[in-house]
């Protein structure tokens, strides 16, 4: 380390900065949540059981998430992978994800 005006200067090879940006689900996070849902489905159910579960109970399935947008989108992406749902997250959120401020 060198001194410069009473301060130490340090050189770094790498710097990792982790910031929380509320409400924004990254594309990588979206894909990871879908993948986690698929993995859980494949570990717990065979393909027929899971699809019949979705078709039978799709109006009754509720998933709870905190009321932060990123958490709600993550829950919907997980369900998309778990239940093999095609399409956008908005319909999944409106029909299957319950936002709860106490779920934090």
N, C-alpha and C. Protein backbone atom coordinates (compact mmCIF):
# COMPACT_ATOMS: atom_id res chain seq x y z
N UNK A 1 0.84 -1.18 0.00
CA UNK A 1 0.00 0.00 0.00
C UNK A 1 0.88 1.24 0.00
N UNK A 2 0.50 2.24 -0.76
CA UNK A 2 1.23 3.50 -0.82
C UNK A 2 0.45 4.57 -0.09
N UNK A 3 1.18 5.58 0.38
CA UNK A 3 0.51 6.70 1.06
C UNK A 3 0.32 7.83 0.05
N UNK A 4 -0.87 8.45 0.12
CA UNK A 4 -1.19 9.57 -0.75
C UNK A 4 -2.06 10.53 0.04
N UNK A 5 -1.50 11.68 0.42
CA UNK A 5 -2.22 12.69 1.20
C UNK A 5 -2.80 12.11 2.49
N UNK A 6 -2.05 11.30 3.17
CA UNK A 6 -2.51 10.73 4.43
C UNK A 6 -3.42 9.54 4.29
N UNK A 7 -3.76 9.14 3.10
CA UNK A 7 -4.62 7.98 2.87
C UNK A 7 -3.80 6.85 2.30
N UNK A 8 -4.24 5.66 2.56
CA UNK A 8 -3.60 4.50 1.95
C UNK A 8 -4.33 4.18 0.66
N UNK A 9 -3.58 3.93 -0.36
CA UNK A 9 -4.18 3.46 -1.61
C UNK A 9 -3.93 1.97 -1.71
N UNK A 10 -4.96 1.26 -2.03
CA UNK A 10 -4.84 -0.19 -2.19
C UNK A 10 -5.29 -0.56 -3.59
N UNK A 11 -4.60 -1.46 -4.17
CA UNK A 11 -5.02 -1.95 -5.48
C UNK A 11 -5.73 -3.29 -5.28
N UNK A 12 -6.77 -3.51 -6.02
CA UNK A 12 -7.56 -4.73 -5.91
C UNK A 12 -7.57 -5.44 -7.24
N UNK A 13 -7.52 -6.74 -7.17
CA UNK A 13 -7.64 -7.55 -8.37
C UNK A 13 -9.12 -7.67 -8.78
N UNK A 14 -9.97 -7.85 -7.77
CA UNK A 14 -11.40 -8.00 -8.01
C UNK A 14 -12.17 -7.26 -6.93
N UNK A 15 -13.32 -6.77 -7.30
CA UNK A 15 -14.21 -6.16 -6.34
C UNK A 15 -15.60 -6.73 -6.60
N UNK A 16 -16.22 -7.24 -5.56
CA UNK A 16 -17.58 -7.76 -5.65
C UNK A 16 -18.47 -6.85 -4.83
N UNK A 17 -19.48 -6.30 -5.47
CA UNK A 17 -20.44 -5.43 -4.79
C UNK A 17 -21.81 -6.07 -4.95
N UNK A 18 -22.47 -6.30 -3.85
CA UNK A 18 -23.81 -6.88 -3.86
C UNK A 18 -24.77 -5.82 -3.39
N UNK A 19 -25.74 -5.48 -4.23
CA UNK A 19 -26.75 -4.49 -3.90
C UNK A 19 -28.13 -5.12 -4.01
N UNK A 20 -29.01 -4.72 -3.15
CA UNK A 20 -30.39 -5.17 -3.25
C UNK A 20 -31.16 -4.10 -4.00
N UNK A 21 -31.81 -4.50 -5.04
CA UNK A 21 -32.65 -3.60 -5.82
C UNK A 21 -34.07 -4.13 -5.73
N UNK A 22 -34.86 -3.56 -4.87
CA UNK A 22 -36.20 -4.07 -4.60
C UNK A 22 -37.11 -4.04 -5.82
N UNK A 23 -37.89 -5.08 -5.97
CA UNK A 23 -38.92 -5.13 -7.00
C UNK A 23 -38.48 -5.60 -8.36
N UNK A 24 -37.20 -5.77 -8.59
CA UNK A 24 -36.73 -6.17 -9.92
C UNK A 24 -36.19 -7.60 -9.86
N UNK A 25 -36.83 -8.49 -10.54
CA UNK A 25 -36.33 -9.86 -10.66
C UNK A 25 -35.44 -9.91 -11.89
N UNK A 26 -34.19 -10.28 -11.71
CA UNK A 26 -33.27 -10.35 -12.84
C UNK A 26 -33.64 -11.52 -13.74
N UNK A 27 -33.16 -11.50 -14.95
CA UNK A 27 -33.43 -12.59 -15.88
C UNK A 27 -32.82 -13.89 -15.35
N UNK A 28 -31.64 -13.80 -14.76
CA UNK A 28 -31.00 -14.98 -14.18
C UNK A 28 -31.83 -15.52 -13.03
N UNK A 29 -32.35 -14.63 -12.18
CA UNK A 29 -33.21 -15.05 -11.08
C UNK A 29 -34.49 -15.71 -11.58
N UNK A 30 -35.05 -15.17 -12.65
CA UNK A 30 -36.24 -15.73 -13.28
C UNK A 30 -35.97 -17.16 -13.75
N UNK A 31 -34.86 -17.35 -14.46
CA UNK A 31 -34.51 -18.68 -14.96
C UNK A 31 -34.21 -19.64 -13.82
N UNK A 32 -33.52 -19.15 -12.78
CA UNK A 32 -33.20 -20.00 -11.63
C UNK A 32 -34.47 -20.47 -10.92
N UNK A 33 -35.45 -19.59 -10.76
CA UNK A 33 -36.69 -19.96 -10.09
C UNK A 33 -37.47 -21.00 -10.89
N UNK A 34 -37.51 -20.83 -12.21
CA UNK A 34 -38.16 -21.82 -13.07
C UNK A 34 -37.45 -23.16 -12.96
N UNK A 35 -36.12 -23.13 -13.00
CA UNK A 35 -35.32 -24.36 -12.90
C UNK A 35 -35.55 -25.06 -11.57
N UNK A 36 -35.60 -24.29 -10.48
CA UNK A 36 -35.86 -24.87 -9.16
C UNK A 36 -37.23 -25.54 -9.13
N UNK A 37 -38.23 -24.90 -9.71
CA UNK A 37 -39.57 -25.50 -9.78
C UNK A 37 -39.57 -26.80 -10.56
N UNK A 38 -38.85 -26.82 -11.69
CA UNK A 38 -38.76 -28.05 -12.49
C UNK A 38 -38.06 -29.16 -11.72
N UNK A 39 -36.96 -28.81 -11.03
CA UNK A 39 -36.23 -29.81 -10.26
C UNK A 39 -37.10 -30.38 -9.15
N UNK A 40 -37.84 -29.54 -8.46
CA UNK A 40 -38.71 -30.03 -7.39
C UNK A 40 -39.80 -30.92 -7.95
N UNK A 41 -40.38 -30.53 -9.07
CA UNK A 41 -41.40 -31.36 -9.71
C UNK A 41 -40.84 -32.72 -10.07
N UNK A 42 -39.66 -32.74 -10.68
CA UNK A 42 -39.06 -34.00 -11.12
C UNK A 42 -38.66 -34.89 -9.95
N UNK A 43 -38.29 -34.29 -8.82
CA UNK A 43 -37.90 -35.08 -7.65
C UNK A 43 -39.10 -35.61 -6.89
N UNK A 44 -40.21 -34.89 -6.91
CA UNK A 44 -41.37 -35.25 -6.08
C UNK A 44 -42.48 -36.00 -6.82
N UNK A 45 -42.64 -35.74 -8.09
CA UNK A 45 -43.77 -36.30 -8.83
C UNK A 45 -43.31 -36.85 -10.16
N UNK A 46 -44.06 -37.84 -10.66
CA UNK A 46 -43.81 -38.19 -12.06
C UNK A 46 -44.64 -37.22 -12.91
N UNK A 47 -44.38 -37.16 -14.19
CA UNK A 47 -44.99 -36.15 -15.07
C UNK A 47 -46.52 -36.19 -15.03
N UNK A 48 -47.11 -37.37 -15.03
CA UNK A 48 -48.57 -37.49 -15.03
C UNK A 48 -49.18 -36.94 -13.75
N UNK A 49 -48.60 -37.27 -12.60
CA UNK A 49 -49.14 -36.80 -11.32
C UNK A 49 -49.16 -35.28 -11.23
N UNK A 50 -48.06 -34.65 -11.65
CA UNK A 50 -47.97 -33.20 -11.52
C UNK A 50 -48.94 -32.49 -12.47
N UNK A 51 -49.06 -32.97 -13.69
CA UNK A 51 -49.97 -32.35 -14.63
C UNK A 51 -51.43 -32.53 -14.20
N UNK A 52 -51.76 -33.69 -13.67
CA UNK A 52 -53.13 -33.89 -13.20
C UNK A 52 -53.38 -33.06 -11.95
N UNK A 53 -52.37 -32.89 -11.12
CA UNK A 53 -52.49 -32.02 -9.95
C UNK A 53 -52.82 -30.60 -10.39
N UNK A 54 -52.09 -30.10 -11.38
CA UNK A 54 -52.33 -28.74 -11.85
C UNK A 54 -53.71 -28.61 -12.47
N UNK A 55 -54.08 -29.54 -13.34
CA UNK A 55 -55.38 -29.41 -14.01
C UNK A 55 -56.54 -29.57 -13.03
N UNK A 56 -56.35 -30.35 -11.97
CA UNK A 56 -57.42 -30.55 -10.99
C UNK A 56 -57.53 -29.41 -9.99
N UNK A 57 -56.39 -28.86 -9.58
CA UNK A 57 -56.38 -27.91 -8.48
C UNK A 57 -55.88 -26.52 -8.84
N UNK A 58 -55.77 -26.20 -10.11
CA UNK A 58 -55.16 -24.92 -10.50
C UNK A 58 -55.88 -23.70 -9.94
N UNK A 59 -57.16 -23.84 -9.66
CA UNK A 59 -57.90 -22.70 -9.09
C UNK A 59 -57.78 -22.63 -7.57
N UNK A 60 -57.29 -23.70 -6.97
CA UNK A 60 -57.17 -23.75 -5.52
C UNK A 60 -55.74 -23.58 -5.03
N UNK A 61 -54.75 -23.66 -5.90
CA UNK A 61 -53.35 -23.54 -5.49
C UNK A 61 -53.04 -22.08 -5.18
N UNK A 62 -52.51 -21.85 -3.98
CA UNK A 62 -52.08 -20.50 -3.59
C UNK A 62 -50.66 -20.61 -3.06
N UNK A 63 -49.85 -19.67 -3.43
CA UNK A 63 -48.48 -19.59 -2.95
C UNK A 63 -48.34 -18.24 -2.27
N UNK A 64 -47.75 -18.22 -1.10
CA UNK A 64 -47.59 -16.99 -0.34
C UNK A 64 -46.18 -16.45 -0.50
N UNK A 65 -46.09 -15.15 -0.71
CA UNK A 65 -44.81 -14.47 -0.85
C UNK A 65 -44.92 -13.12 -0.14
N UNK A 66 -43.78 -12.55 0.21
CA UNK A 66 -43.84 -11.21 0.80
C UNK A 66 -44.40 -10.25 -0.25
N UNK A 67 -44.77 -9.07 0.16
CA UNK A 67 -45.40 -8.13 -0.77
C UNK A 67 -44.40 -7.38 -1.64
N UNK A 68 -43.14 -7.75 -1.60
CA UNK A 68 -42.13 -7.13 -2.47
C UNK A 68 -42.24 -7.74 -3.88
N UNK A 69 -42.22 -6.89 -4.88
CA UNK A 69 -42.42 -7.33 -6.26
C UNK A 69 -41.50 -8.45 -6.71
N UNK A 70 -40.23 -8.35 -6.34
CA UNK A 70 -39.27 -9.37 -6.75
C UNK A 70 -39.64 -10.73 -6.17
N UNK A 71 -40.11 -10.76 -4.92
CA UNK A 71 -40.50 -12.02 -4.28
C UNK A 71 -41.74 -12.61 -4.94
N UNK A 72 -42.68 -11.77 -5.28
CA UNK A 72 -43.90 -12.24 -5.95
C UNK A 72 -43.56 -12.83 -7.31
N UNK A 73 -42.70 -12.16 -8.06
CA UNK A 73 -42.29 -12.66 -9.39
C UNK A 73 -41.50 -13.95 -9.27
N UNK A 74 -40.68 -14.08 -8.23
CA UNK A 74 -39.93 -15.32 -8.01
C UNK A 74 -40.87 -16.48 -7.72
N UNK A 75 -41.87 -16.24 -6.89
CA UNK A 75 -42.85 -17.29 -6.58
C UNK A 75 -43.59 -17.72 -7.84
N UNK A 76 -43.97 -16.77 -8.67
CA UNK A 76 -44.68 -17.10 -9.92
C UNK A 76 -43.77 -17.87 -10.87
N UNK A 77 -42.51 -17.49 -10.97
CA UNK A 77 -41.57 -18.21 -11.84
C UNK A 77 -41.35 -19.63 -11.34
N UNK A 78 -41.28 -19.80 -10.01
CA UNK A 78 -41.16 -21.15 -9.44
C UNK A 78 -42.37 -21.99 -9.84
N UNK A 79 -43.58 -21.43 -9.69
CA UNK A 79 -44.80 -22.16 -10.06
C UNK A 79 -44.83 -22.49 -11.55
N UNK A 80 -44.32 -21.57 -12.35
CA UNK A 80 -44.27 -21.80 -13.79
C UNK A 80 -43.46 -23.06 -14.10
N UNK A 81 -42.32 -23.21 -13.43
CA UNK A 81 -41.50 -24.41 -13.62
C UNK A 81 -42.10 -25.63 -12.96
N UNK A 82 -42.62 -25.47 -11.76
CA UNK A 82 -43.15 -26.60 -11.00
C UNK A 82 -44.38 -27.22 -11.66
N UNK A 83 -45.26 -26.37 -12.16
CA UNK A 83 -46.51 -26.85 -12.75
C UNK A 83 -46.51 -26.87 -14.27
N UNK A 84 -45.35 -26.62 -14.88
CA UNK A 84 -45.22 -26.60 -16.35
C UNK A 84 -46.23 -25.66 -17.00
N UNK A 85 -46.31 -24.45 -16.51
CA UNK A 85 -47.24 -23.47 -17.03
C UNK A 85 -46.55 -22.67 -18.13
N UNK A 86 -47.21 -22.51 -19.25
CA UNK A 86 -46.68 -21.72 -20.36
C UNK A 86 -47.15 -20.28 -20.22
N UNK A 87 -46.41 -19.36 -20.80
CA UNK A 87 -46.85 -17.97 -20.86
C UNK A 87 -46.19 -17.06 -19.85
N UNK A 88 -46.79 -15.89 -19.69
CA UNK A 88 -46.24 -14.82 -18.87
C UNK A 88 -46.52 -15.05 -17.37
N UNK A 89 -45.83 -14.28 -16.53
CA UNK A 89 -45.99 -14.41 -15.09
C UNK A 89 -47.27 -13.75 -14.56
N UNK A 90 -47.75 -12.70 -15.22
CA UNK A 90 -48.89 -11.94 -14.70
C UNK A 90 -50.11 -12.81 -14.39
N UNK A 91 -50.54 -13.70 -15.28
CA UNK A 91 -51.70 -14.54 -14.94
C UNK A 91 -51.43 -15.49 -13.78
N UNK A 92 -50.19 -15.96 -13.66
CA UNK A 92 -49.83 -16.83 -12.54
C UNK A 92 -49.90 -16.05 -11.24
N UNK A 93 -49.37 -14.83 -11.26
CA UNK A 93 -49.40 -13.98 -10.08
C UNK A 93 -50.84 -13.71 -9.64
N UNK A 94 -51.68 -13.34 -10.59
CA UNK A 94 -53.05 -12.96 -10.23
C UNK A 94 -53.89 -14.13 -9.73
N UNK A 95 -53.59 -15.34 -10.19
CA UNK A 95 -54.43 -16.47 -9.80
C UNK A 95 -53.82 -17.37 -8.73
N UNK A 96 -52.50 -17.33 -8.54
CA UNK A 96 -51.88 -18.32 -7.65
C UNK A 96 -50.96 -17.76 -6.58
N UNK A 97 -50.56 -16.50 -6.64
CA UNK A 97 -49.62 -15.95 -5.67
C UNK A 97 -50.33 -14.93 -4.79
N UNK A 98 -50.24 -15.17 -3.50
CA UNK A 98 -50.85 -14.27 -2.52
C UNK A 98 -49.72 -13.45 -1.87
N UNK A 99 -49.80 -12.13 -1.99
CA UNK A 99 -48.80 -11.25 -1.37
C UNK A 99 -49.21 -11.01 0.07
N UNK A 100 -48.22 -11.12 0.96
CA UNK A 100 -48.50 -10.96 2.39
C UNK A 100 -47.33 -10.23 3.03
N UNK A 101 -47.57 -9.08 3.59
CA UNK A 101 -46.50 -8.30 4.20
C UNK A 101 -45.88 -9.01 5.39
N UNK A 102 -46.58 -9.96 5.98
CA UNK A 102 -46.05 -10.71 7.12
C UNK A 102 -45.18 -11.89 6.68
N UNK A 103 -45.13 -12.18 5.39
CA UNK A 103 -44.36 -13.33 4.89
C UNK A 103 -42.88 -13.03 4.74
N UNK A 104 -42.46 -11.83 5.10
CA UNK A 104 -41.05 -11.47 4.99
C UNK A 104 -40.28 -12.28 5.96
